[in-house]
């Protein structure tokens, strides 16, 4: 086991819940009111915004110094 995985195993529930909060944004396809888009969520699941397409979502996330991760 490497040191990183060992330290992750020792995170408190609170630390685990906020892990990546300022570094990751999750992208999820959504349909609302008959229109499709991409929802951008914080690592804790909070929806931040919905944009028209994945390319715009990735640019938005990167402009905020975060890494985009896709959800399916």
N, C-alpha and C. Protein backbone atom coordinates (compact mmCIF):
# COMPACT_ATOMS: atom_id res chain seq x y z
N UNK A 1 0.85 -1.18 0.00
CA UNK A 1 0.00 0.00 0.00
C UNK A 1 0.89 1.24 0.00
N UNK A 2 0.58 2.19 -0.85
CA UNK A 2 1.39 3.40 -0.91
C UNK A 2 0.96 4.39 0.17
N UNK A 3 1.82 5.36 0.48
CA UNK A 3 1.50 6.32 1.56
C UNK A 3 0.22 7.12 1.31
N UNK A 4 -0.09 7.43 0.05
CA UNK A 4 -1.29 8.20 -0.23
C UNK A 4 -2.54 7.42 0.13
N UNK A 5 -2.63 6.17 -0.29
CA UNK A 5 -3.82 5.39 0.03
C UNK A 5 -3.93 5.15 1.53
N UNK A 6 -2.82 5.01 2.22
CA UNK A 6 -2.85 4.85 3.67
C UNK A 6 -3.40 6.11 4.35
N UNK A 7 -2.97 7.28 3.89
CA UNK A 7 -3.46 8.51 4.52
C UNK A 7 -4.95 8.71 4.22
N UNK A 8 -5.41 8.28 3.04
CA UNK A 8 -6.84 8.39 2.73
C UNK A 8 -7.67 7.50 3.66
N UNK A 9 -7.13 6.37 4.04
CA UNK A 9 -7.85 5.46 4.93
C UNK A 9 -8.01 6.03 6.34
N UNK A 10 -7.19 7.00 6.69
CA UNK A 10 -7.25 7.55 8.05
C UNK A 10 -7.99 8.88 8.12
N UNK A 11 -8.60 9.32 7.01
CA UNK A 11 -9.37 10.56 7.02
C UNK A 11 -10.60 10.42 7.91
N UNK A 12 -10.92 11.47 8.62
CA UNK A 12 -12.17 11.48 9.39
C UNK A 12 -13.34 11.58 8.41
N UNK A 13 -14.53 11.30 8.88
CA UNK A 13 -15.71 11.41 8.04
C UNK A 13 -15.87 12.83 7.50
N UNK A 14 -15.60 13.82 8.33
CA UNK A 14 -15.70 15.22 7.91
C UNK A 14 -14.65 15.54 6.85
N UNK A 15 -13.42 15.10 7.06
CA UNK A 15 -12.36 15.34 6.07
C UNK A 15 -12.66 14.64 4.76
N UNK A 16 -13.20 13.43 4.84
CA UNK A 16 -13.54 12.69 3.63
C UNK A 16 -14.65 13.42 2.87
N UNK A 17 -15.62 13.95 3.58
CA UNK A 17 -16.74 14.65 2.95
C UNK A 17 -16.29 15.88 2.19
N UNK A 18 -15.23 16.52 2.64
CA UNK A 18 -14.75 17.73 1.98
C UNK A 18 -13.55 17.48 1.08
N UNK A 19 -13.12 16.23 0.97
CA UNK A 19 -11.97 15.88 0.14
C UNK A 19 -12.21 16.30 -1.31
N UNK A 20 -11.32 17.09 -1.86
CA UNK A 20 -11.43 17.53 -3.25
C UNK A 20 -12.42 18.66 -3.47
N UNK A 21 -13.01 19.17 -2.42
CA UNK A 21 -14.05 20.19 -2.56
C UNK A 21 -13.60 21.40 -3.37
N UNK A 22 -12.37 21.81 -3.19
CA UNK A 22 -11.87 22.97 -3.92
C UNK A 22 -11.07 22.62 -5.16
N UNK A 23 -10.97 21.31 -5.46
CA UNK A 23 -10.14 20.88 -6.58
C UNK A 23 -10.91 20.18 -7.69
N UNK A 24 -12.04 19.58 -7.37
CA UNK A 24 -12.78 18.79 -8.35
C UNK A 24 -14.17 19.36 -8.59
N UNK A 25 -14.62 19.22 -9.83
CA UNK A 25 -16.00 19.54 -10.18
C UNK A 25 -16.51 18.39 -11.04
N UNK A 26 -17.69 17.93 -10.73
CA UNK A 26 -18.27 16.81 -11.45
C UNK A 26 -19.23 17.31 -12.51
N UNK A 27 -19.14 16.72 -13.70
CA UNK A 27 -19.99 17.09 -14.82
C UNK A 27 -21.00 15.98 -15.04
N UNK A 28 -22.27 16.35 -15.15
CA UNK A 28 -23.32 15.36 -15.31
C UNK A 28 -24.33 15.85 -16.34
N UNK A 29 -24.61 15.02 -17.36
CA UNK A 29 -25.64 15.40 -18.33
C UNK A 29 -27.01 15.49 -17.63
N UNK A 30 -27.78 16.52 -17.95
CA UNK A 30 -29.10 16.71 -17.37
C UNK A 30 -30.10 17.16 -18.43
N UNK A 31 -31.36 16.91 -18.15
CA UNK A 31 -32.45 17.42 -18.99
C UNK A 31 -33.43 18.12 -18.08
N UNK A 32 -33.72 19.37 -18.40
CA UNK A 32 -34.67 20.16 -17.61
C UNK A 32 -35.52 20.97 -18.56
N UNK A 33 -36.80 20.93 -18.33
CA UNK A 33 -37.75 21.70 -19.16
C UNK A 33 -37.56 21.40 -20.64
N UNK A 34 -37.28 20.13 -20.96
CA UNK A 34 -37.13 19.70 -22.34
C UNK A 34 -35.81 20.05 -22.99
N UNK A 35 -34.90 20.65 -22.24
CA UNK A 35 -33.60 21.04 -22.79
C UNK A 35 -32.51 20.23 -22.10
N UNK A 36 -31.48 19.88 -22.88
CA UNK A 36 -30.36 19.14 -22.30
C UNK A 36 -29.21 20.10 -22.01
N UNK A 37 -28.39 19.74 -21.06
CA UNK A 37 -27.24 20.54 -20.69
C UNK A 37 -26.30 19.72 -19.84
N UNK A 38 -25.32 20.38 -19.29
CA UNK A 38 -24.34 19.73 -18.41
C UNK A 38 -24.38 20.47 -17.08
N UNK A 39 -24.68 19.72 -16.02
CA UNK A 39 -24.66 20.29 -14.68
C UNK A 39 -23.25 20.19 -14.12
N UNK A 40 -22.80 21.24 -13.46
CA UNK A 40 -21.50 21.24 -12.79
C UNK A 40 -21.78 21.18 -11.30
N UNK A 41 -21.22 20.15 -10.66
CA UNK A 41 -21.42 19.94 -9.23
C UNK A 41 -20.10 20.04 -8.49
N UNK A 42 -20.13 20.59 -7.28
CA UNK A 42 -18.97 20.58 -6.40
C UNK A 42 -18.74 19.15 -5.92
N UNK A 43 -17.58 18.89 -5.35
CA UNK A 43 -17.24 17.56 -4.87
C UNK A 43 -18.22 17.05 -3.82
N UNK A 44 -18.89 17.95 -3.10
CA UNK A 44 -19.86 17.52 -2.09
C UNK A 44 -21.25 17.29 -2.66
N UNK A 45 -21.39 17.45 -3.99
CA UNK A 45 -22.67 17.20 -4.65
C UNK A 45 -23.51 18.44 -4.88
N UNK A 46 -23.10 19.57 -4.36
CA UNK A 46 -23.84 20.81 -4.56
C UNK A 46 -23.82 21.22 -6.02
N UNK A 47 -25.00 21.43 -6.61
CA UNK A 47 -25.04 21.88 -8.00
C UNK A 47 -24.61 23.34 -8.05
N UNK A 48 -23.62 23.62 -8.90
CA UNK A 48 -23.09 24.97 -9.02
C UNK A 48 -23.76 25.73 -10.15
N UNK A 49 -23.94 25.07 -11.29
CA UNK A 49 -24.56 25.71 -12.44
C UNK A 49 -24.88 24.65 -13.49
N UNK A 50 -25.64 25.04 -14.50
CA UNK A 50 -25.91 24.20 -15.66
C UNK A 50 -25.54 25.02 -16.89
N UNK A 51 -24.76 24.42 -17.78
CA UNK A 51 -24.35 25.10 -19.02
C UNK A 51 -24.83 24.29 -20.22
N UNK A 52 -24.68 24.86 -21.40
CA UNK A 52 -25.24 24.26 -22.61
C UNK A 52 -24.57 22.96 -23.05
N UNK A 53 -23.25 22.88 -22.93
CA UNK A 53 -22.58 21.68 -23.43
C UNK A 53 -21.32 21.36 -22.63
N UNK A 54 -20.76 20.17 -22.90
CA UNK A 54 -19.61 19.70 -22.13
C UNK A 54 -18.39 20.60 -22.31
N UNK A 55 -18.15 21.07 -23.53
CA UNK A 55 -16.98 21.93 -23.78
C UNK A 55 -17.04 23.19 -22.92
N UNK A 56 -18.20 23.81 -22.85
CA UNK A 56 -18.36 25.00 -22.02
C UNK A 56 -18.20 24.65 -20.54
N UNK A 57 -18.68 23.49 -20.14
CA UNK A 57 -18.54 23.06 -18.75
C UNK A 57 -17.08 22.89 -18.37
N UNK A 58 -16.30 22.25 -19.24
CA UNK A 58 -14.87 22.04 -18.97
C UNK A 58 -14.14 23.37 -18.88
N UNK A 59 -14.43 24.28 -19.79
CA UNK A 59 -13.78 25.60 -19.76
C UNK A 59 -14.15 26.33 -18.47
N UNK A 60 -15.41 26.28 -18.08
CA UNK A 60 -15.87 26.94 -16.86
C UNK A 60 -15.15 26.40 -15.64
N UNK A 61 -15.04 25.08 -15.57
CA UNK A 61 -14.36 24.44 -14.44
C UNK A 61 -12.88 24.83 -14.41
N UNK A 62 -12.22 24.77 -15.54
CA UNK A 62 -10.78 25.09 -15.60
C UNK A 62 -10.52 26.56 -15.27
N UNK A 63 -11.42 27.45 -15.66
CA UNK A 63 -11.26 28.87 -15.34
C UNK A 63 -11.32 29.12 -13.84
N UNK A 64 -11.89 28.16 -13.13
CA UNK A 64 -11.98 28.27 -11.67
C UNK A 64 -10.95 27.38 -10.98
N UNK A 65 -9.88 27.05 -11.73
CA UNK A 65 -8.75 26.29 -11.19
C UNK A 65 -9.15 24.95 -10.58
N UNK A 66 -10.10 24.29 -11.25
CA UNK A 66 -10.56 22.98 -10.80
C UNK A 66 -10.38 21.97 -11.93
N UNK A 67 -10.47 20.71 -11.58
CA UNK A 67 -10.37 19.62 -12.55
C UNK A 67 -11.76 19.03 -12.75
N UNK A 68 -12.14 18.83 -14.02
CA UNK A 68 -13.46 18.28 -14.34
C UNK A 68 -13.42 16.76 -14.33
N UNK A 69 -14.47 16.16 -13.74
CA UNK A 69 -14.63 14.71 -13.70
C UNK A 69 -16.03 14.42 -14.18
N UNK A 70 -16.17 13.49 -15.14
CA UNK A 70 -17.49 13.18 -15.70
C UNK A 70 -18.23 12.15 -14.86
N UNK A 71 -19.54 12.34 -14.71
CA UNK A 71 -20.43 11.37 -14.09
C UNK A 71 -21.36 10.85 -15.18
N UNK A 72 -21.71 9.59 -15.09
CA UNK A 72 -22.61 9.02 -16.11
C UNK A 72 -23.86 8.49 -15.47
